[in-house]
Amino acid sequence: EGGVRNISNQLSITTKIDREHPELKEYAKSKGWWDG
């Protein structure tokens, strides 16, 4: 949306998600990576 943004060899998108895989959250939940 503005400012500067960079990427490197790691994930950097935290909670500001504008588009996502349709099963992104459910898969994380099923693996125990997110409590929902």
PDB file of all heavy atoms in Angstrom:
ATOM      1  N   GLU A   1       0.809  -1.229   0.000  1.00  0.00           N
ATOM      2  CA  GLU A   1       0.000   0.000   0.000  1.00  0.00           C
ATOM      3  C   GLU A   1       0.836   1.269   0.000  1.00  0.00           C
ATOM      4  O   GLU A   1       0.323   2.350  -0.208  1.00  0.00           O
ATOM      5  CB  GLU A   1      -0.939   0.007   1.213  1.00  0.00           C
ATOM      6  CG  GLU A   1      -1.864  -1.199   1.288  1.00  0.00           C
ATOM      7  CD  GLU A   1      -2.940  -1.230   0.205  1.00  0.00           C
ATOM      8  OE1 GLU A   1      -3.188  -0.212  -0.464  1.00  0.00           O
ATOM      9  OE2 GLU A   1      -3.540  -2.301   0.034  1.00  0.00           O
ATOM     10  N   GLY A   2       2.118   1.168   0.268  1.00  0.00           N
ATOM     11  CA  GLY A   2       2.977   2.344   0.292  1.00  0.00           C
ATOM     12  C   GLY A   2       4.264   2.036   1.026  1.00  0.00           C
ATOM     13  O   GLY A   2       4.465   0.938   1.544  1.00  0.00           O
ATOM     14  N   GLY A   3       5.149   3.005   1.078  1.00  0.00           N
ATOM     15  CA  GLY A   3       6.413   2.830   1.771  1.00  0.00           C
ATOM     16  C   GLY A   3       7.352   1.926   1.005  1.00  0.00           C
ATOM     17  O   GLY A   3       7.369   1.922  -0.218  1.00  0.00           O
ATOM     18  N   VAL A   4       8.137   1.159   1.727  1.00  0.00           N
ATOM     19  CA  VAL A   4       9.082   0.229   1.115  1.00  0.00           C
ATOM     20  C   VAL A   4       8.747  -1.186   1.581  1.00  0.00           C
ATOM     21  O   VAL A   4       8.166  -1.385   2.631  1.00  0.00           O
ATOM     22  CB  VAL A   4      10.550   0.575   1.483  1.00  0.00           C
ATOM     23  CG1 VAL A   4      10.948   1.925   0.924  1.00  0.00           C
ATOM     24  CG2 VAL A   4      10.776   0.535   2.982  1.00  0.00           C
ATOM     25  N   ARG A   5       9.124  -2.157   0.779  1.00  0.00           N
ATOM     26  CA  ARG A   5       8.850  -3.569   1.099  1.00  0.00           C
ATOM     27  C   ARG A   5       9.956  -4.397   0.501  1.00  0.00           C
ATOM     28  O   ARG A   5      10.392  -4.149  -0.624  1.00  0.00           O
ATOM     29  CB  ARG A   5       7.492  -3.951   0.521  1.00  0.00           C
ATOM     30  CG  ARG A   5       6.977  -5.306   0.952  1.00  0.00           C
ATOM     31  CD  ARG A   5       6.671  -5.336   2.460  1.00  0.00           C
ATOM     32  NE  ARG A   5       5.906  -6.516   2.793  1.00  0.00           N
ATOM     33  CZ  ARG A   5       6.428  -7.721   2.955  1.00  0.00           C
ATOM     34  NH1 ARG A   5       7.727  -7.924   2.804  1.00  0.00           N
ATOM     35  NH2 ARG A   5       5.656  -8.747   3.270  1.00  0.00           N
ATOM     36  N   ASN A   6      10.443  -5.373   1.231  1.00  0.00           N
ATOM     37  CA  ASN A   6      11.465  -6.262   0.708  1.00  0.00           C
ATOM     38  C   ASN A   6      11.135  -7.705   1.067  1.00  0.00           C
ATOM     39  O   ASN A   6      10.273  -7.965   1.894  1.00  0.00           O
ATOM     40  CB  ASN A   6      12.857  -5.874   1.231  1.00  0.00           C
ATOM     41  CG  ASN A   6      13.008  -6.041   2.726  1.00  0.00           C
ATOM     42  OD1 ASN A   6      12.126  -5.700   3.502  1.00  0.00           O
ATOM     43  ND2 ASN A   6      14.153  -6.545   3.146  1.00  0.00           N
ATOM     44  N   ILE A   7      11.824  -8.609   0.398  1.00  0.00           N
ATOM     45  CA  ILE A   7      11.713 -10.029   0.694  1.00  0.00           C
ATOM     46  C   ILE A   7      13.127 -10.580   0.804  1.00  0.00           C
ATOM     47  O   ILE A   7      14.083  -9.968   0.328  1.00  0.00           O
ATOM     48  CB  ILE A   7      10.916 -10.811  -0.377  1.00  0.00           C
ATOM     49  CG1 ILE A   7      11.547 -10.657  -1.766  1.00  0.00           C
ATOM     50  CG2 ILE A   7       9.463 -10.376  -0.392  1.00  0.00           C
ATOM     51  CD1 ILE A   7      10.911 -11.514  -2.855  1.00  0.00           C
ATOM     52  N   SER A   8      13.251 -11.717   1.435  1.00  0.00           N
ATOM     53  CA  SER A   8      14.527 -12.417   1.489  1.00  0.00           C
ATOM     54  C   SER A   8      14.197 -13.895   1.609  1.00  0.00           C
ATOM     55  O   SER A   8      13.084 -14.294   1.294  1.00  0.00           O
ATOM     56  CB  SER A   8      15.364 -11.913   2.669  1.00  0.00           C
ATOM     57  OG  SER A   8      16.680 -12.429   2.573  1.00  0.00           O
ATOM     58  N   ASN A   9      15.128 -14.685   2.091  1.00  0.00           N
ATOM     59  CA  ASN A   9      14.922 -16.120   2.164  1.00  0.00           C
ATOM     60  C   ASN A   9      14.178 -16.514   3.431  1.00  0.00           C
ATOM     61  O   ASN A   9      14.644 -17.331   4.217  1.00  0.00           O
ATOM     62  CB  ASN A   9      16.263 -16.836   2.091  1.00  0.00           C
ATOM     63  CG  ASN A   9      16.978 -16.518   0.812  1.00  0.00           C
ATOM     64  OD1 ASN A   9      17.641 -15.502   0.733  1.00  0.00           O
ATOM     65  ND2 ASN A   9      16.827 -17.350  -0.187  1.00  0.00           N
ATOM     66  N   GLN A  10      13.026 -15.913   3.638  1.00  0.00           N
ATOM     67  CA  GLN A  10      12.177 -16.216   4.776  1.00  0.00           C
ATOM     68  C   GLN A  10      10.791 -15.663   4.482  1.00  0.00           C
ATOM     69  O   GLN A  10      10.623 -14.847   3.584  1.00  0.00           O
ATOM     70  CB  GLN A  10      12.721 -15.562   6.034  1.00  0.00           C
ATOM     71  CG  GLN A  10      12.614 -14.047   5.987  1.00  0.00           C
ATOM     72  CD  GLN A  10      13.061 -13.393   7.266  1.00  0.00           C
ATOM     73  OE1 GLN A  10      14.161 -13.667   7.726  1.00  0.00           O
ATOM     74  NE2 GLN A  10      12.226 -12.562   7.841  1.00  0.00           N
ATOM     75  N   LEU A  11       9.827 -16.100   5.243  1.00  0.00           N
ATOM     76  CA  LEU A  11       8.484 -15.540   5.107  1.00  0.00           C
ATOM     77  C   LEU A  11       8.422 -14.214   5.847  1.00  0.00           C
ATOM     78  O   LEU A  11       9.043 -14.049   6.892  1.00  0.00           O
ATOM     79  CB  LEU A  11       7.444 -16.511   5.659  1.00  0.00           C
ATOM     80  CG  LEU A  11       7.362 -17.861   4.947  1.00  0.00           C
ATOM     81  CD1 LEU A  11       6.348 -18.760   5.642  1.00  0.00           C
ATOM     82  CD2 LEU A  11       7.050 -17.699   3.485  1.00  0.00           C
ATOM     83  N   SER A  12       7.648 -13.266   5.307  1.00  0.00           N
ATOM     84  CA  SER A  12       7.541 -11.951   5.940  1.00  0.00           C
ATOM     85  C   SER A  12       6.113 -11.428   6.003  1.00  0.00           C
ATOM     86  O   SER A  12       5.859 -10.409   6.626  1.00  0.00           O
ATOM     87  CB  SER A  12       8.430 -10.942   5.211  1.00  0.00           C
ATOM     88  OG  SER A  12       7.996 -10.777   3.871  1.00  0.00           O
ATOM     89  N   ILE A  13       5.174 -12.119   5.362  1.00  0.00           N
ATOM     90  CA  ILE A  13       3.773 -11.709   5.443  1.00  0.00           C
ATOM     91  C   ILE A  13       3.238 -12.230   6.773  1.00  0.00           C
ATOM     92  O   ILE A  13       3.284 -13.426   7.041  1.00  0.00           O
ATOM     93  CB  ILE A  13       2.949 -12.265   4.268  1.00  0.00           C
ATOM     94  CG1 ILE A  13       3.428 -11.652   2.948  1.00  0.00           C
ATOM     95  CG2 ILE A  13       1.462 -12.002   4.480  1.00  0.00           C
ATOM     96  CD1 ILE A  13       2.778 -12.248   1.712  1.00  0.00           C
ATOM     97  N   THR A  14       2.729 -11.331   7.592  1.00  0.00           N
ATOM     98  CA  THR A  14       2.236 -11.743   8.910  1.00  0.00           C
ATOM     99  C   THR A  14       0.708 -11.784   8.884  1.00  0.00           C
ATOM    100  O   THR A  14       0.126 -12.749   8.408  1.00  0.00           O
ATOM    101  CB  THR A  14       2.784 -10.826  10.010  1.00  0.00           C
ATOM    102  OG1 THR A  14       2.431  -9.471   9.726  1.00  0.00           O
ATOM    103  CG2 THR A  14       4.294 -10.952  10.135  1.00  0.00           C
ATOM    104  N   THR A  15       0.041 -10.734   9.364  1.00  0.00           N
ATOM    105  CA  THR A  15      -1.424 -10.743   9.465  1.00  0.00           C
ATOM    106  C   THR A  15      -2.108  -9.956   8.357  1.00  0.00           C
ATOM    107  O   THR A  15      -3.314 -10.080   8.185  1.00  0.00           O
ATOM    108  CB  THR A  15      -1.863 -10.193  10.832  1.00  0.00           C
ATOM    109  OG1 THR A  15      -1.354  -8.864  10.984  1.00  0.00           O
ATOM    110  CG2 THR A  15      -1.354 -11.077  11.962  1.00  0.00           C
ATOM    111  N   LYS A  16      -1.354  -9.135   7.615  1.00  0.00           N
ATOM    112  CA  LYS A  16      -1.955  -8.386   6.500  1.00  0.00           C
ATOM    113  C   LYS A  16      -1.916  -9.283   5.257  1.00  0.00           C
ATOM    114  O   LYS A  16      -0.944  -9.310   4.522  1.00  0.00           O
ATOM    115  CB  LYS A  16      -1.228  -7.074   6.228  1.00  0.00           C
ATOM    116  CG  LYS A  16      -1.910  -6.252   5.140  1.00  0.00           C
ATOM    117  CD  LYS A  16      -1.091  -5.016   4.781  1.00  0.00           C
ATOM    118  CE  LYS A  16      -1.742  -4.176   3.708  1.00  0.00           C
ATOM    119  NZ  LYS A  16      -2.076  -4.851   2.478  1.00  0.00           N
ATOM    120  N   ILE A  17      -2.986 -10.025   5.067  1.00  0.00           N
ATOM    121  CA  ILE A  17      -3.091 -10.956   3.941  1.00  0.00           C
ATOM    122  C   ILE A  17      -4.261 -10.491   3.084  1.00  0.00           C
ATOM    123  O   ILE A  17      -5.403 -10.462   3.541  1.00  0.00           O
ATOM    124  CB  ILE A  17      -3.311 -12.401   4.433  1.00  0.00           C
ATOM    125  CG1 ILE A  17      -2.136 -12.835   5.324  1.00  0.00           C
ATOM    126  CG2 ILE A  17      -3.479 -13.352   3.243  1.00  0.00           C
ATOM    127  CD1 ILE A  17      -2.348 -14.162   6.020  1.00  0.00           C
ATOM    128  N   ASP A  18      -3.963 -10.128   1.844  1.00  0.00           N
ATOM    129  CA  ASP A  18      -5.002  -9.614   0.951  1.00  0.00           C
ATOM    130  C   ASP A  18      -5.572 -10.680   0.027  1.00  0.00           C
ATOM    131  O   ASP A  18      -6.704 -10.552  -0.440  1.00  0.00           O
ATOM    132  CB  ASP A  18      -4.450  -8.428   0.152  1.00  0.00           C
ATOM    133  CG  ASP A  18      -4.075  -7.276   1.073  1.00  0.00           C
ATOM    134  OD1 ASP A  18      -4.970  -6.748   1.750  1.00  0.00           O
ATOM    135  OD2 ASP A  18      -2.878  -6.919   1.133  1.00  0.00           O
ATOM    136  N   ARG A  19      -4.787 -11.709  -0.255  1.00  0.00           N
ATOM    137  CA  ARG A  19      -5.264 -12.872  -0.994  1.00  0.00           C
ATOM    138  C   ARG A  19      -4.554 -14.081  -0.409  1.00  0.00           C
ATOM    139  O   ARG A  19      -3.431 -13.964   0.060  1.00  0.00           O
ATOM    140  CB  ARG A  19      -4.955 -12.752  -2.496  1.00  0.00           C
ATOM    141  CG  ARG A  19      -5.833 -11.728  -3.207  1.00  0.00           C
ATOM    142  CD  ARG A  19      -5.630 -11.696  -4.717  1.00  0.00           C
ATOM    143  NE  ARG A  19      -5.820 -13.012  -5.314  1.00  0.00           N
ATOM    144  CZ  ARG A  19      -5.525 -13.287  -6.590  1.00  0.00           C
ATOM    145  NH1 ARG A  19      -5.041 -12.361  -7.388  1.00  0.00           N
ATOM    146  NH2 ARG A  19      -5.709 -14.499  -7.074  1.00  0.00           N
ATOM    147  N   GLU A  20      -5.208 -15.244  -0.464  1.00  0.00           N
ATOM    148  CA  GLU A  20      -4.596 -16.439   0.119  1.00  0.00           C
ATOM    149  C   GLU A  20      -5.125 -17.698  -0.542  1.00  0.00           C
ATOM    150  O   GLU A  20      -6.194 -17.694  -1.159  1.00  0.00           O
ATOM    151  CB  GLU A  20      -4.869 -16.494   1.620  1.00  0.00           C
ATOM    152  CG  GLU A  20      -6.344 -16.677   1.946  1.00  0.00           C
ATOM    153  CD  GLU A  20      -6.660 -16.472   3.416  1.00  0.00           C
ATOM    154  OE1 GLU A  20      -6.367 -15.388   3.950  1.00  0.00           O
ATOM    155  OE2 GLU A  20      -7.228 -17.414   4.010  1.00  0.00           O
ATOM    156  N   HIS A  21      -4.374 -18.761  -0.399  1.00  0.00           N
ATOM    157  CA  HIS A  21      -4.828 -20.074  -0.838  1.00  0.00           C
ATOM    158  C   HIS A  21      -6.125 -20.368  -0.082  1.00  0.00           C
ATOM    159  O   HIS A  21      -6.213 -20.128   1.133  1.00  0.00           O
ATOM    160  CB  HIS A  21      -3.766 -21.125  -0.522  1.00  0.00           C
ATOM    161  CG  HIS A  21      -4.102 -22.478  -1.034  1.00  0.00           C
ATOM    162  ND1 HIS A  21      -4.994 -23.321  -0.395  1.00  0.00           N
ATOM    163  CD2 HIS A  21      -3.682 -23.142  -2.132  1.00  0.00           C
ATOM    164  CE1 HIS A  21      -5.106 -24.442  -1.064  1.00  0.00           C
ATOM    165  NE2 HIS A  21      -4.313 -24.366  -2.132  1.00  0.00           N
ATOM    166  N   PRO A  22      -7.146 -20.895  -0.749  1.00  0.00           N
ATOM    167  CA  PRO A  22      -8.436 -21.114  -0.081  1.00  0.00           C
ATOM    168  C   PRO A  22      -8.386 -22.041   1.135  1.00  0.00           C
ATOM    169  O   PRO A  22      -9.250 -21.964   2.004  1.00  0.00           O
ATOM    170  CB  PRO A  22      -9.331 -21.691  -1.182  1.00  0.00           C
ATOM    171  CG  PRO A  22      -8.455 -21.999  -2.329  1.00  0.00           C
ATOM    172  CD  PRO A  22      -7.169 -21.267  -2.155  1.00  0.00           C
ATOM    173  N   GLU A  23      -7.380 -22.906   1.219  1.00  0.00           N
ATOM    174  CA  GLU A  23      -7.279 -23.833   2.348  1.00  0.00           C
ATOM    175  C   GLU A  23      -6.119 -23.484   3.283  1.00  0.00           C
ATOM    176  O   GLU A  23      -5.746 -24.291   4.142  1.00  0.00           O
ATOM    177  CB  GLU A  23      -7.107 -25.261   1.818  1.00  0.00           C
ATOM    178  CG  GLU A  23      -8.283 -25.724   0.974  1.00  0.00           C
ATOM    179  CD  GLU A  23      -7.957 -26.964   0.153  1.00  0.00           C
ATOM    180  OE1 GLU A  23      -6.903 -27.595   0.381  1.00  0.00           O
ATOM    181  OE2 GLU A  23      -8.754 -27.287  -0.736  1.00  0.00           O
ATOM    182  N   LEU A  24      -5.552 -22.290   3.137  1.00  0.00           N
ATOM    183  CA  LEU A  24      -4.363 -21.884   3.899  1.00  0.00           C
ATOM    184  C   LEU A  24      -4.546 -22.042   5.405  1.00  0.00           C
ATOM    185  O   LEU A  24      -3.741 -22.679   6.078  1.00  0.00           O
ATOM    186  CB  LEU A  24      -4.015 -20.424   3.573  1.00  0.00           C
ATOM    187  CG  LEU A  24      -2.811 -19.835   4.293  1.00  0.00           C
ATOM    188  CD1 LEU A  24      -1.535 -20.361   3.667  1.00  0.00           C
ATOM    189  CD2 LEU A  24      -2.848 -18.312   4.213  1.00  0.00           C
ATOM    190  N   LYS A  25      -5.624 -21.475   5.931  1.00  0.00           N
ATOM    191  CA  LYS A  25      -5.840 -21.479   7.380  1.00  0.00           C
ATOM    192  C   LYS A  25      -6.251 -22.857   7.878  1.00  0.00           C
ATOM    193  O   LYS A  25      -5.789 -23.311   8.929  1.00  0.00           O
ATOM    194  CB  LYS A  25      -6.875 -20.422   7.750  1.00  0.00           C
ATOM    195  CG  LYS A  25      -6.360 -19.013   7.513  1.00  0.00           C
ATOM    196  CD  LYS A  25      -7.424 -17.977   7.756  1.00  0.00           C
ATOM    197  CE  LYS A  25      -6.881 -16.600   7.381  1.00  0.00           C
ATOM    198  NZ  LYS A  25      -7.939 -15.604   7.317  1.00  0.00           N
ATOM    199  N   GLU A  26      -7.103 -23.538   7.137  1.00  0.00           N
ATOM    200  CA  GLU A  26      -7.547 -24.873   7.562  1.00  0.00           C
ATOM    201  C   GLU A  26      -6.383 -25.861   7.598  1.00  0.00           C
ATOM    202  O   GLU A  26      -6.303 -26.696   8.494  1.00  0.00           O
ATOM    203  CB  GLU A  26      -8.670 -25.387   6.655  1.00  0.00           C
ATOM    204  CG  GLU A  26     -10.020 -24.788   6.980  1.00  0.00           C
ATOM    205  CD  GLU A  26     -10.419 -24.955   8.453  1.00  0.00           C
ATOM    206  OE1 GLU A  26     -10.338 -26.079   8.989  1.00  0.00           O
ATOM    207  OE2 GLU A  26     -10.788 -23.944   9.068  1.00  0.00           O
ATOM    208  N   TYR A  27      -5.481 -25.754   6.622  1.00  0.00           N
ATOM    209  CA  TYR A  27      -4.320 -26.655   6.607  1.00  0.00           C
ATOM    210  C   TYR A  27      -3.433 -26.385   7.823  1.00  0.00           C
ATOM    211  O   TYR A  27      -2.996 -27.314   8.497  1.00  0.00           O
ATOM    212  CB  TYR A  27      -3.530 -26.487   5.306  1.00  0.00           C
ATOM    213  CG  TYR A  27      -2.390 -27.454   5.181  1.00  0.00           C
ATOM    214  CD1 TYR A  27      -2.613 -28.808   4.936  1.00  0.00           C
ATOM    215  CD2 TYR A  27      -1.070 -27.029   5.314  1.00  0.00           C
ATOM    216  CE1 TYR A  27      -1.562 -29.708   4.833  1.00  0.00           C
ATOM    217  CE2 TYR A  27      -0.013 -27.911   5.209  1.00  0.00           C
ATOM    218  CZ  TYR A  27      -0.260 -29.250   4.966  1.00  0.00           C
ATOM    219  OH  TYR A  27       0.790 -30.144   4.863  1.00  0.00           O
ATOM    220  N   ALA A  28      -3.184 -25.104   8.114  1.00  0.00           N
ATOM    221  CA  ALA A  28      -2.373 -24.751   9.290  1.00  0.00           C
ATOM    222  C   ALA A  28      -3.030 -25.258  10.566  1.00  0.00           C
ATOM    223  O   ALA A  28      -2.352 -25.776  11.464  1.00  0.00           O
ATOM    224  CB  ALA A  28      -2.162 -23.237   9.346  1.00  0.00           C
ATOM    225  N   LYS A  29      -4.327 -25.145  10.635  1.00  0.00           N
ATOM    226  CA  LYS A  29      -5.069 -25.617  11.810  1.00  0.00           C
ATOM    227  C   LYS A  29      -4.966 -27.141  11.935  1.00  0.00           C
ATOM    228  O   LYS A  29      -4.736 -27.675  13.029  1.00  0.00           O
ATOM    229  CB  LYS A  29      -6.527 -25.173  11.674  1.00  0.00           C
ATOM    230  CG  LYS A  29      -7.301 -25.209  12.952  1.00  0.00           C
ATOM    231  CD  LYS A  29      -8.662 -24.555  12.711  1.00  0.00           C
ATOM    232  CE  LYS A  29      -9.595 -24.771  13.861  1.00  0.00           C
ATOM    233  NZ  LYS A  29     -10.920 -24.229  13.610  1.00  0.00           N
ATOM    234  N   SER A  30      -5.106 -27.836  10.805  1.00  0.00           N
ATOM    235  CA  SER A  30      -5.049 -29.306  10.833  1.00  0.00           C
ATOM    236  C   SER A  30      -3.676 -29.826  11.246  1.00  0.00           C
ATOM    237  O   SER A  30      -3.559 -30.923  11.781  1.00  0.00           O
ATOM    238  CB  SER A  30      -5.432 -29.887   9.463  1.00  0.00           C
ATOM    239  OG  SER A  30      -4.378 -29.716   8.528  1.00  0.00           O
ATOM    240  N   LYS A  31      -2.633 -29.052  11.005  1.00  0.00           N
ATOM    241  CA  LYS A  31      -1.272 -29.445  11.378  1.00  0.00           C
ATOM    242  C   LYS A  31      -0.890 -28.996  12.782  1.00  0.00           C
ATOM    243  O   LYS A  31       0.191 -29.311  13.265  1.00  0.00           O
ATOM    244  CB  LYS A  31      -0.265 -28.851  10.375  1.00  0.00           C
ATOM    245  CG  LYS A  31      -0.364 -29.452   8.996  1.00  0.00           C
ATOM    246  CD  LYS A  31       0.095 -30.883   9.039  1.00  0.00           C
ATOM    247  CE  LYS A  31       0.276 -31.470   7.670  1.00  0.00           C
ATOM    248  NZ  LYS A  31       0.709 -32.864   7.712  1.00  0.00           N
ATOM    249  N   GLY A  32      -1.768 -28.213  13.423  1.00  0.00           N
ATOM    250  CA  GLY A  32      -1.478 -27.725  14.762  1.00  0.00           C
ATOM    251  C   GLY A  32      -0.598 -26.489  14.798  1.00  0.00           C
ATOM    252  O   GLY A  32      -0.067 -26.119  15.838  1.00  0.00           O
ATOM    253  N   TRP A  33      -0.466 -25.829  13.669  1.00  0.00           N
ATOM    254  CA  TRP A  33       0.378 -24.631  13.588  1.00  0.00           C
ATOM    255  C   TRP A  33      -0.377 -23.374  13.995  1.00  0.00           C
ATOM    256  O   TRP A  33       0.215 -22.341  14.228  1.00  0.00           O
ATOM    257  CB  TRP A  33       0.922 -24.446  12.181  1.00  0.00           C
ATOM    258  CG  TRP A  33       1.694 -25.616  11.651  1.00  0.00           C
ATOM    259  CD1 TRP A  33       2.388 -26.553  12.364  1.00  0.00           C
ATOM    260  CD2 TRP A  33       1.841 -25.972  10.285  1.00  0.00           C
ATOM    261  NE1 TRP A  33       2.963 -27.459  11.531  1.00  0.00           N
ATOM    262  CE2 TRP A  33       2.650 -27.131  10.234  1.00  0.00           C
ATOM    263  CE3 TRP A  33       1.396 -25.429   9.081  1.00  0.00           C
ATOM    264  CZ2 TRP A  33       3.015 -27.743   9.049  1.00  0.00           C
ATOM    265  CZ3 TRP A  33       1.757 -26.033   7.899  1.00  0.00           C
ATOM    266  CH2 TRP A  33       2.547 -27.187   7.886  1.00  0.00           C
ATOM    267  N   TRP A  34      -1.689 -23.449  14.026  1.00  0.00           N
ATOM    268  CA  TRP A  34      -2.551 -22.315  14.371  1.00  0.00           C
ATOM    269  C   TRP A  34      -3.763 -22.869  15.103  1.00  0.00           C
ATOM    270  O   TRP A  34      -4.336 -23.883  14.678  1.00  0.00           O
ATOM    271  CB  TRP A  34      -2.953 -21.576  13.086  1.00  0.00           C
ATOM    272  CG  TRP A  34      -3.899 -20.448  13.257  1.00  0.00           C
ATOM    273  CD1 TRP A  34      -3.730 -19.333  14.036  1.00  0.00           C
ATOM    274  CD2 TRP A  34      -5.165 -20.282  12.622  1.00  0.00           C
ATOM    275  NE1 TRP A  34      -4.810 -18.491  13.924  1.00  0.00           N
ATOM    276  CE2 TRP A  34      -5.714 -19.055  13.051  1.00  0.00           C
ATOM    277  CE3 TRP A  34      -5.905 -21.058  11.730  1.00  0.00           C
ATOM    278  CZ2 TRP A  34      -6.954 -18.591  12.632  1.00  0.00           C
ATOM    279  CZ3 TRP A  34      -7.127 -20.589  11.298  1.00  0.00           C
ATOM    280  CH2 TRP A  34      -7.643 -19.365  11.748  1.00  0.00           C
ATOM    281  N   ASP A  35      -4.153 -22.220  16.184  1.00  0.00           N
ATOM    282  CA  ASP A  35      -5.258 -22.741  16.992  1.00  0.00           C
ATOM    283  C   ASP A  35      -6.642 -22.340  16.485  1.00  0.00           C
ATOM    284  O   ASP A  35      -7.655 -22.814  16.992  1.00  0.00           O
ATOM    285  CB  ASP A  35      -5.094 -22.327  18.453  1.00  0.00           C
ATOM    286  CG  ASP A  35      -5.169 -20.822  18.681  1.00  0.00           C
ATOM    287  OD1 ASP A  35      -5.526 -20.067  17.745  1.00  0.00           O
ATOM    288  OD2 ASP A  35      -4.858 -20.390  19.809  1.00  0.00           O
ATOM    289  N   GLY A  36      -6.722 -21.474  15.493  1.00  0.00           N
ATOM    290  CA  GLY A  36      -8.008 -21.051  14.950  1.00  0.00           C
ATOM    291  C   GLY A  36      -8.682 -19.969  15.774  1.00  0.00           C
ATOM    292  O   GLY A  36      -9.735 -19.472  15.389  1.00  0.00           O
TER     293      GLY A  36
END
